[in-house]
Amino acid sequence: MDWPIAEVARLSGVTARTLRHYDEIGLLPPAGIGANGHRYYEEHQLLRLQQILVLRALGVGLPEVGRILAEEIDEVDALRGHHRRLLAERDRLEALAGTVARTIAELEQSRKDGTPMTAINRPENLFEGIRPSQYLESLRDFPGHAEEVARRVAAMTPQDVEAGQRERTAQMILLAELMAAGHPADAEPVQARIDAQYRALTELRAVSAEEYRAIGRSCVDNEAWRAAYETIAPGLAAYQRDAIEAYVTHRLG
């Protein structure tokens, strides 16, 4: 039995565009191409796609996925390897849960003592258990930006990825400190931080005023983004949204 690309996209949740990209880079050639030019997939290709998606969910870049699959011939052995990785992912999630638990304890202690919340004392804790694939998934509402980020992440080393994560969280903590100090979202120090964020975005690709406004709203509307901001400091997600709104209105409007 074979499946057309549209059906494979529906079953797997991967877009047809992504499947065509996998074909173009030699990662997942279809079983055949019909007279109408459409790609068709058989069971072997679906099993390979499953392996690709498991590895991508584990944060493995496409070049490394290709190398892993090239080394694995027997599908059962390959699945055993993926199972081991999934068990490791389970352990990673447990570590991430511990990170969040520590953060909650610190925030509760801060409230109990009556001391103002400024920033997480040990920001490196925020990175324990975080994967690039989670960040890419959070960009699903901005496909153009997600594609550019994915292209760059695929060429990065794990060390580069972690450094980027640390830089993003460091910027969030700086914003949290301004919020805790009582600066309104449209204050100059806050707007300077937002300007730096906007310039970093535009280094990847052009970002219109309306798209940047939508990104700001996603800080609250996107569950993953909101959770990341709120882990650092309660209210930070809405503060970031409001700061971006002010930036777009006064500097990009």
C-alpha atoms as a PDB file:
ATOM      1  CA  MET A   1       0.000   0.000   0.000  1.00  0.00           C
ATOM      2  CA  ASP A   2       1.224   3.504  -0.716  1.00  0.00           C
ATOM      3  CA  TRP A   3       0.188   6.890   0.633  1.00  0.00           C
ATOM      4  CA  PRO A   4       0.242  10.242  -1.196  1.00  0.00           C
ATOM      5  CA  ILE A   5       2.206  13.059   0.362  1.00  0.00           C
ATOM      6  CA  ALA A   6      -0.937  14.849   1.521  1.00  0.00           C
ATOM      7  CA  GLU A   7      -2.060  11.767   3.461  1.00  0.00           C
ATOM      8  CA  VAL A   8       1.384  11.284   5.000  1.00  0.00           C
ATOM      9  CA  ALA A   9       1.355  14.927   6.062  1.00  0.00           C
ATOM     10  CA  ARG A  10      -2.056  14.458   7.671  1.00  0.00           C
ATOM     11  CA  LEU A  11      -1.064  11.271   9.480  1.00  0.00           C
ATOM     12  CA  SER A  12       2.281  12.520  10.761  1.00  0.00           C
ATOM     13  CA  GLY A  13       1.489  16.173  11.431  1.00  0.00           C
ATOM     14  CA  VAL A  14       4.435  17.165   9.228  1.00  0.00           C
ATOM     15  CA  THR A  15       3.731  19.637   6.452  1.00  0.00           C
ATOM     16  CA  ALA A  16       4.022  18.569   2.817  1.00  0.00           C
ATOM     17  CA  ARG A  17       6.630  21.295   2.425  1.00  0.00           C
ATOM     18  CA  THR A  18       8.768  19.678   5.132  1.00  0.00           C
ATOM     19  CA  LEU A  19       8.396  16.264   3.491  1.00  0.00           C
ATOM     20  CA  ARG A  20       9.549  17.722   0.177  1.00  0.00           C
ATOM     21  CA  HIS A  21      12.506  19.300   1.969  1.00  0.00           C
ATOM     22  CA  TYR A  22      13.422  15.930   3.498  1.00  0.00           C
ATOM     23  CA  ASP A  23      13.390  14.502  -0.019  1.00  0.00           C
ATOM     24  CA  GLU A  24      15.529  17.320  -1.408  1.00  0.00           C
ATOM     25  CA  ILE A  25      18.267  16.788   1.192  1.00  0.00           C
ATOM     26  CA  GLY A  26      18.185  12.994   0.735  1.00  0.00           C
ATOM     27  CA  LEU A  27      16.802  12.283   4.183  1.00  0.00           C
ATOM     28  CA  LEU A  28      13.453  10.792   3.118  1.00  0.00           C
ATOM     29  CA  PRO A  29      13.063  10.052  -0.606  1.00  0.00           C
ATOM     30  CA  PRO A  30       9.548   8.878  -1.505  1.00  0.00           C
ATOM     31  CA  ALA A  31       8.886   5.361  -2.733  1.00  0.00           C
ATOM     32  CA  GLY A  32       7.900   6.842  -6.078  1.00  0.00           C
ATOM     33  CA  ILE A  33       6.582   9.840  -7.957  1.00  0.00           C
ATOM     34  CA  GLY A  34       3.315   9.563  -9.887  1.00  0.00           C
ATOM     35  CA  ALA A  35       2.608  10.839 -13.364  1.00  0.00           C
ATOM     36  CA  ASN A  36       1.010  13.865 -11.739  1.00  0.00           C
ATOM     37  CA  GLY A  37       4.324  14.673 -10.018  1.00  0.00           C
ATOM     38  CA  HIS A  38       3.023  13.803  -6.541  1.00  0.00           C
ATOM     39  CA  ARG A  39       5.221  11.889  -4.133  1.00  0.00           C
ATOM     40  CA  TYR A  40       4.040   8.534  -2.756  1.00  0.00           C
ATOM     41  CA  TYR A  41       5.275   6.727   0.351  1.00  0.00           C
ATOM     42  CA  GLU A  42       5.227   3.086   1.433  1.00  0.00           C
ATOM     43  CA  GLU A  43       5.622   1.416   4.813  1.00  0.00           C
ATOM     44  CA  HIS A  44       9.430   1.621   4.736  1.00  0.00           C
ATOM     45  CA  GLN A  45       9.311   5.384   4.253  1.00  0.00           C
ATOM     46  CA  LEU A  46       6.739   5.798   7.029  1.00  0.00           C
ATOM     47  CA  LEU A  47       8.969   3.878   9.438  1.00  0.00           C
ATOM     48  CA  ARG A  48      11.897   6.059   8.447  1.00  0.00           C
ATOM     49  CA  LEU A  49       9.769   9.167   8.959  1.00  0.00           C
ATOM     50  CA  GLN A  50       8.884   7.909  12.427  1.00  0.00           C
ATOM     51  CA  GLN A  51      12.590   7.642  13.217  1.00  0.00           C
ATOM     52  CA  ILE A  52      13.236  11.136  11.884  1.00  0.00           C
ATOM     53  CA  LEU A  53      10.434  12.634  13.975  1.00  0.00           C
ATOM     54  CA  VAL A  54      11.566  10.839  17.129  1.00  0.00           C
ATOM     55  CA  LEU A  55      15.093  12.174  16.674  1.00  0.00           C
ATOM     56  CA  ARG A  56      13.839  15.670  15.901  1.00  0.00           C
ATOM     57  CA  ALA A  57      11.659  15.571  19.038  1.00  0.00           C
ATOM     58  CA  LEU A  58      14.823  14.748  20.957  1.00  0.00           C
ATOM     59  CA  GLY A  59      16.435  17.915  19.607  1.00  0.00           C
ATOM     60  CA  VAL A  60      18.720  16.268  17.034  1.00  0.00           C
ATOM     61  CA  GLY A  61      19.583  18.483  14.049  1.00  0.00           C
ATOM     62  CA  LEU A  62      18.895  17.288  10.513  1.00  0.00           C
ATOM     63  CA  PRO A  63      22.572  16.664   9.588  1.00  0.00           C
ATOM     64  CA  GLU A  64      22.979  14.476  12.671  1.00  0.00           C
ATOM     65  CA  VAL A  65      19.669  12.704  11.949  1.00  0.00           C
ATOM     66  CA  GLY A  66      21.026  11.809   8.519  1.00  0.00           C
ATOM     67  CA  ARG A  67      24.242  10.454   9.999  1.00  0.00           C
ATOM     68  CA  ILE A  68      22.370   8.381  12.597  1.00  0.00           C
ATOM     69  CA  LEU A  69      20.014   6.855  10.035  1.00  0.00           C
ATOM     70  CA  ALA A  70      22.879   6.132   7.638  1.00  0.00           C
ATOM     71  CA  GLU A  71      24.588   4.064  10.341  1.00  0.00           C
ATOM     72  CA  GLU A  72      21.483   2.077  11.272  1.00  0.00           C
ATOM     73  CA  ILE A  73      20.433  -0.679   8.889  1.00  0.00           C
ATOM     74  CA  ASP A  74      18.174  -2.979  10.867  1.00  0.00           C
ATOM     75  CA  GLU A  75      14.921  -1.246  11.799  1.00  0.00           C
ATOM     76  CA  VAL A  76      14.548  -3.161  15.078  1.00  0.00           C
ATOM     77  CA  ASP A  77      18.034  -2.114  16.172  1.00  0.00           C
ATOM     78  CA  ALA A  78      17.239   1.440  15.149  1.00  0.00           C
ATOM     79  CA  LEU A  79      14.049   1.425  17.221  1.00  0.00           C
ATOM     80  CA  ARG A  80      15.949   0.048  20.207  1.00  0.00           C
ATOM     81  CA  GLY A  81      18.309   2.989  19.902  1.00  0.00           C
ATOM     82  CA  HIS A  82      15.401   5.407  19.720  1.00  0.00           C
ATOM     83  CA  HIS A  83      13.839   3.731  22.743  1.00  0.00           C
ATOM     84  CA  ARG A  84      17.014   4.373  24.711  1.00  0.00           C
ATOM     85  CA  ARG A  85      16.906   7.992  23.643  1.00  0.00           C
ATOM     86  CA  LEU A  86      13.273   8.271  24.706  1.00  0.00           C
ATOM     87  CA  LEU A  87      14.140   6.891  28.131  1.00  0.00           C
ATOM     88  CA  ALA A  88      16.852   9.520  28.348  1.00  0.00           C
ATOM     89  CA  GLU A  89      14.254  12.105  27.346  1.00  0.00           C
ATOM     90  CA  ARG A  90      12.052  10.901  30.173  1.00  0.00           C
ATOM     91  CA  ASP A  91      14.935  11.483  32.578  1.00  0.00           C
ATOM     92  CA  ARG A  92      15.463  14.913  31.018  1.00  0.00           C
ATOM     93  CA  LEU A  93      11.829  15.841  31.641  1.00  0.00           C
ATOM     94  CA  GLU A  94      12.157  14.730  35.241  1.00  0.00           C
ATOM     95  CA  ALA A  95      15.182  17.017  35.563  1.00  0.00           C
ATOM     96  CA  LEU A  96      13.195  19.856  33.990  1.00  0.00           C
ATOM     97  CA  ALA A  97      10.360  19.254  36.472  1.00  0.00           C
ATOM     98  CA  GLY A  98      12.914  19.519  39.255  1.00  0.00           C
ATOM     99  CA  THR A  99      14.155  22.805  37.819  1.00  0.00           C
ATOM    100  CA  VAL A 100      10.643  24.243  37.788  1.00  0.00           C
ATOM    101  CA  ALA A 101      10.033  22.972  41.324  1.00  0.00           C
ATOM    102  CA  ARG A 102      13.155  24.753  42.566  1.00  0.00           C
ATOM    103  CA  THR A 103      12.057  27.944  40.848  1.00  0.00           C
ATOM    104  CA  ILE A 104       8.605  27.731  42.452  1.00  0.00           C
ATOM    105  CA  ALA A 105      10.223  27.253  45.854  1.00  0.00           C
ATOM    106  CA  GLU A 106      12.451  30.295  45.332  1.00  0.00           C
ATOM    107  CA  LEU A 107       9.511  32.459  44.240  1.00  0.00           C
ATOM    108  CA  GLU A 108       7.369  31.323  47.173  1.00  0.00           C
ATOM    109  CA  GLN A 109      10.211  32.031  49.604  1.00  0.00           C
ATOM    110  CA  SER A 110      10.648  35.486  48.094  1.00  0.00           C
ATOM    111  CA  ARG A 111       6.956  36.241  48.601  1.00  0.00           C
ATOM    112  CA  LYS A 112       6.998  34.833  52.124  1.00  0.00           C
ATOM    113  CA  ASP A 113       9.955  37.008  53.151  1.00  0.00           C
ATOM    114  CA  GLY A 114       8.416  40.085  51.552  1.00  0.00           C
ATOM    115  CA  THR A 115      11.546  40.797  49.541  1.00  0.00           C
ATOM    116  CA  PRO A 116      10.906  42.105  45.995  1.00  0.00           C
ATOM    117  CA  MET A 117      11.408  39.621  43.182  1.00  0.00           C
ATOM    118  CA  THR A 118      14.259  40.655  40.885  1.00  0.00           C
ATOM    119  CA  ALA A 119      15.631  37.678  38.968  1.00  0.00           C
ATOM    120  CA  ILE A 120      16.473  34.018  39.308  1.00  0.00           C
ATOM    121  CA  ASN A 121      19.655  33.772  41.346  1.00  0.00           C
ATOM    122  CA  ARG A 122      20.982  30.820  39.323  1.00  0.00           C
ATOM    123  CA  PRO A 123      19.781  31.352  35.743  1.00  0.00           C
ATOM    124  CA  GLU A 124      21.714  28.323  34.528  1.00  0.00           C
ATOM    125  CA  ASN A 125      19.028  26.195  36.207  1.00  0.00           C
ATOM    126  CA  LEU A 126      16.582  27.368  33.572  1.00  0.00           C
ATOM    127  CA  PHE A 127      18.488  25.493  30.875  1.00  0.00           C
ATOM    128  CA  GLU A 128      18.435  22.082  32.473  1.00  0.00           C
ATOM    129  CA  GLY A 129      16.248  19.881  30.289  1.00  0.00           C
ATOM    130  CA  ILE A 130      15.467  22.455  27.580  1.00  0.00           C
ATOM    131  CA  ARG A 131      15.758  21.332  23.922  1.00  0.00           C
ATOM    132  CA  PRO A 132      15.963  23.390  20.705  1.00  0.00           C
ATOM    133  CA  SER A 133      13.002  21.490  19.275  1.00  0.00           C
ATOM    134  CA  GLN A 134      10.812  22.947  22.011  1.00  0.00           C
ATOM    135  CA  TYR A 135      11.818  26.450  20.989  1.00  0.00           C
ATOM    136  CA  LEU A 136      11.123  25.680  17.325  1.00  0.00           C
ATOM    137  CA  GLU A 137       7.715  24.233  18.197  1.00  0.00           C
ATOM    138  CA  SER A 138       6.890  27.449  20.019  1.00  0.00           C
ATOM    139  CA  LEU A 139       7.431  29.322  16.729  1.00  0.00           C
ATOM    140  CA  ARG A 140       4.711  27.399  14.903  1.00  0.00           C
ATOM    141  CA  ASP A 141       2.623  30.565  14.482  1.00  0.00           C
ATOM    142  CA  PHE A 142       5.519  32.247  12.654  1.00  0.00           C
ATOM    143  CA  PRO A 143       6.519  29.697   9.968  1.00  0.00           C
ATOM    144  CA  GLY A 144       8.873  32.015   8.105  1.00  0.00           C
ATOM    145  CA  HIS A 145      10.870  32.747  11.233  1.00  0.00           C
ATOM    146  CA  ALA A 146      10.705  29.104  12.342  1.00  0.00           C
ATOM    147  CA  GLU A 147      12.215  27.910   9.048  1.00  0.00           C
ATOM    148  CA  GLU A 148      15.122  30.328   9.329  1.00  0.00           C
ATOM    149  CA  VAL A 149      15.753  29.381  12.962  1.00  0.00           C
ATOM    150  CA  ALA A 150      15.586  25.664  12.074  1.00  0.00           C
ATOM    151  CA  ARG A 151      18.067  26.158   9.241  1.00  0.00           C
ATOM    152  CA  ARG A 152      20.524  27.852  11.550  1.00  0.00           C
ATOM    153  CA  VAL A 153      20.039  25.438  14.440  1.00  0.00           C
ATOM    154  CA  ALA A 154      20.718  22.494  12.111  1.00  0.00           C
ATOM    155  CA  ALA A 155      24.198  23.889  11.447  1.00  0.00           C
ATOM    156  CA  MET A 156      24.967  24.630  15.108  1.00  0.00           C
ATOM    157  CA  THR A 157      26.832  22.525  17.624  1.00  0.00           C
ATOM    158  CA  PRO A 158      25.118  21.608  20.915  1.00  0.00           C
ATOM    159  CA  GLN A 159      27.426  24.113  22.595  1.00  0.00           C
ATOM    160  CA  ASP A 160      26.285  26.874  20.229  1.00  0.00           C
ATOM    161  CA  VAL A 161      22.639  26.003  20.871  1.00  0.00           C
ATOM    162  CA  GLU A 162      23.113  26.122  24.633  1.00  0.00           C
ATOM    163  CA  ALA A 163      24.938  29.449  24.382  1.00  0.00           C
ATOM    164  CA  GLY A 164      22.004  30.857  22.408  1.00  0.00           C
ATOM    165  CA  GLN A 165      19.550  29.592  24.995  1.00  0.00           C
ATOM    166  CA  ARG A 166      21.567  31.166  27.783  1.00  0.00           C
ATOM    167  CA  GLU A 167      21.670  34.479  25.945  1.00  0.00           C
ATOM    168  CA  ARG A 168      17.887  34.486  25.432  1.00  0.00           C
ATOM    169  CA  THR A 169      17.234  33.742  29.083  1.00  0.00           C
ATOM    170  CA  ALA A 170      19.790  36.356  30.154  1.00  0.00           C
ATOM    171  CA  GLN A 171      17.878  38.954  28.134  1.00  0.00           C
ATOM    172  CA  MET A 172      14.613  37.867  29.759  1.00  0.00           C
ATOM    173  CA  ILE A 173      16.172  38.209  33.214  1.00  0.00           C
ATOM    174  CA  LEU A 174      17.409  41.719  32.419  1.00  0.00           C
ATOM    175  CA  LEU A 175      13.871  42.662  31.448  1.00  0.00           C
ATOM    176  CA  ALA A 176      12.529  41.098  34.670  1.00  0.00           C
ATOM    177  CA  GLU A 177      14.919  43.244  36.689  1.00  0.00           C
ATOM    178  CA  LEU A 178      13.612  46.392  34.984  1.00  0.00           C
ATOM    179  CA  MET A 179      10.048  45.297  35.722  1.00  0.00           C
ATOM    180  CA  ALA A 180      10.876  44.634  39.376  1.00  0.00           C
ATOM    181  CA  ALA A 181      12.536  48.048  39.626  1.00  0.00           C
ATOM    182  CA  GLY A 182       9.204  49.629  38.697  1.00  0.00           C
ATOM    183  CA  HIS A 183       9.986  50.845  35.173  1.00  0.00           C
ATOM    184  CA  PRO A 184       6.826  51.053  33.025  1.00  0.00           C
ATOM    185  CA  ALA A 185       6.820  49.056  29.801  1.00  0.00           C
ATOM    186  CA  ASP A 186       7.343  52.178  27.676  1.00  0.00           C
ATOM    187  CA  ALA A 187      10.259  53.521  29.740  1.00  0.00           C
ATOM    188  CA  GLU A 188      13.514  54.180  27.884  1.00  0.00           C
ATOM    189  CA  PRO A 189      15.597  51.439  29.596  1.00  0.00           C
ATOM    190  CA  VAL A 190      12.893  48.893  28.759  1.00  0.00           C
ATOM    191  CA  GLN A 191      12.569  50.100  25.187  1.00  0.00           C
ATOM    192  CA  ALA A 192      16.342  49.809  24.769  1.00  0.00           C
ATOM    193  CA  ARG A 193      16.110  46.124  25.691  1.00  0.00           C
ATOM    194  CA  ILE A 194      13.212  45.619  23.279  1.00  0.00           C
ATOM    195  CA  ASP A 195      15.167  47.382  20.536  1.00  0.00           C
ATOM    196  CA  ALA A 196      18.051  44.949  21.079  1.00  0.00           C
ATOM    197  CA  GLN A 197      15.626  42.019  20.820  1.00  0.00           C
ATOM    198  CA  TYR A 198      14.117  43.414  17.619  1.00  0.00           C
ATOM    199  CA  ARG A 199      17.541  43.914  16.042  1.00  0.00           C
ATOM    200  CA  ALA A 200      18.486  40.340  16.927  1.00  0.00           C
ATOM    201  CA  LEU A 201      15.322  39.115  15.195  1.00  0.00           C
ATOM    202  CA  THR A 202      15.980  41.147  12.074  1.00  0.00           C
ATOM    203  CA  GLU A 203      19.450  39.644  11.808  1.00  0.00           C
ATOM    204  CA  LEU A 204      17.679  36.376  10.957  1.00  0.00           C
ATOM    205  CA  ARG A 205      15.102  37.821   8.567  1.00  0.00           C
ATOM    206  CA  ALA A 206      13.021  40.938   7.992  1.00  0.00           C
ATOM    207  CA  VAL A 207      10.303  41.362  10.625  1.00  0.00           C
ATOM    208  CA  SER A 208       7.461  43.791   9.933  1.00  0.00           C
ATOM    209  CA  ALA A 209       5.870  45.967  12.589  1.00  0.00           C
ATOM    210  CA  GLU A 210       2.703  43.870  12.588  1.00  0.00           C
ATOM    211  CA  GLU A 211       4.640  40.607  12.853  1.00  0.00           C
ATOM    212  CA  TYR A 212       6.647  41.959  15.779  1.00  0.00           C
ATOM    213  CA  ARG A 213       3.397  43.061  17.430  1.00  0.00           C
ATOM    214  CA  ALA A 214       2.051  39.516  16.930  1.00  0.00           C
ATOM    215  CA  ILE A 215       5.231  38.089  18.449  1.00  0.00           C
ATOM    216  CA  GLY A 216       4.680  40.333  21.460  1.00  0.00           C
ATOM    217  CA  ARG A 217       1.127  39.082  21.898  1.00  0.00           C
ATOM    218  CA  SER A 218       2.379  35.511  21.671  1.00  0.00           C
ATOM    219  CA  CYS A 219       4.414  36.101  24.826  1.00  0.00           C
ATOM    220  CA  VAL A 220       1.066  35.818  26.604  1.00  0.00           C
ATOM    221  CA  ASP A 221      -1.051  33.811  24.142  1.00  0.00           C
ATOM    222  CA  ASN A 222       1.546  31.105  23.391  1.00  0.00           C
ATOM    223  CA  GLU A 223       1.514  28.681  26.320  1.00  0.00           C
ATOM    224  CA  ALA A 224       5.188  27.690  25.979  1.00  0.00           C
ATOM    225  CA  TRP A 225       6.391  31.282  25.777  1.00  0.00           C
ATOM    226  CA  ARG A 226       4.203  32.430  28.663  1.00  0.00           C
ATOM    227  CA  ALA A 227       5.477  29.579  30.849  1.00  0.00           C
ATOM    228  CA  ALA A 228       9.096  30.497  30.089  1.00  0.00           C
ATOM    229  CA  TYR A 229       8.558  34.145  31.030  1.00  0.00           C
ATOM    230  CA  GLU A 230       6.516  33.354  34.122  1.00  0.00           C
ATOM    231  CA  THR A 231       9.198  30.919  35.306  1.00  0.00           C
ATOM    232  CA  ILE A 232      11.586  33.842  35.511  1.00  0.00           C
ATOM    233  CA  ALA A 233       9.176  36.283  37.151  1.00  0.00           C
ATOM    234  CA  PRO A 234       5.381  36.461  37.533  1.00  0.00           C
ATOM    235  CA  GLY A 235       3.899  39.048  35.178  1.00  0.00           C
ATOM    236  CA  LEU A 236       6.927  39.106  32.877  1.00  0.00           C
ATOM    237  CA  ALA A 237       4.998  37.730  29.876  1.00  0.00           C
ATOM    238  CA  ALA A 238       2.484  40.594  29.900  1.00  0.00           C
ATOM    239  CA  TYR A 239       5.287  43.081  30.583  1.00  0.00           C
ATOM    240  CA  GLN A 240       7.188  41.887  27.494  1.00  0.00           C
ATOM    241  CA  ARG A 241       4.000  42.060  25.405  1.00  0.00           C
ATOM    242  CA  ASP A 242       3.259  45.603  26.551  1.00  0.00           C
ATOM    243  CA  ALA A 243       6.853  46.681  25.971  1.00  0.00           C
ATOM    244  CA  ILE A 244       6.786  45.364  22.403  1.00  0.00           C
ATOM    245  CA  GLU A 245       3.433  47.053  21.785  1.00  0.00           C
ATOM    246  CA  ALA A 246       4.920  50.379  22.912  1.00  0.00           C
ATOM    247  CA  TYR A 247       8.010  49.806  20.759  1.00  0.00           C
ATOM    248  CA  VAL A 248       5.953  49.063  17.639  1.00  0.00           C
ATOM    249  CA  THR A 249       3.682  52.053  18.232  1.00  0.00           C
ATOM    250  CA  HIS A 250       6.397  54.642  18.869  1.00  0.00           C
ATOM    251  CA  ARG A 251       9.373  53.325  16.871  1.00  0.00           C
ATOM    252  CA  LEU A 252       7.989  51.191  14.062  1.00  0.00           C
ATOM    253  CA  GLY A 253       4.578  52.771  13.602  1.00  0.00           C
END
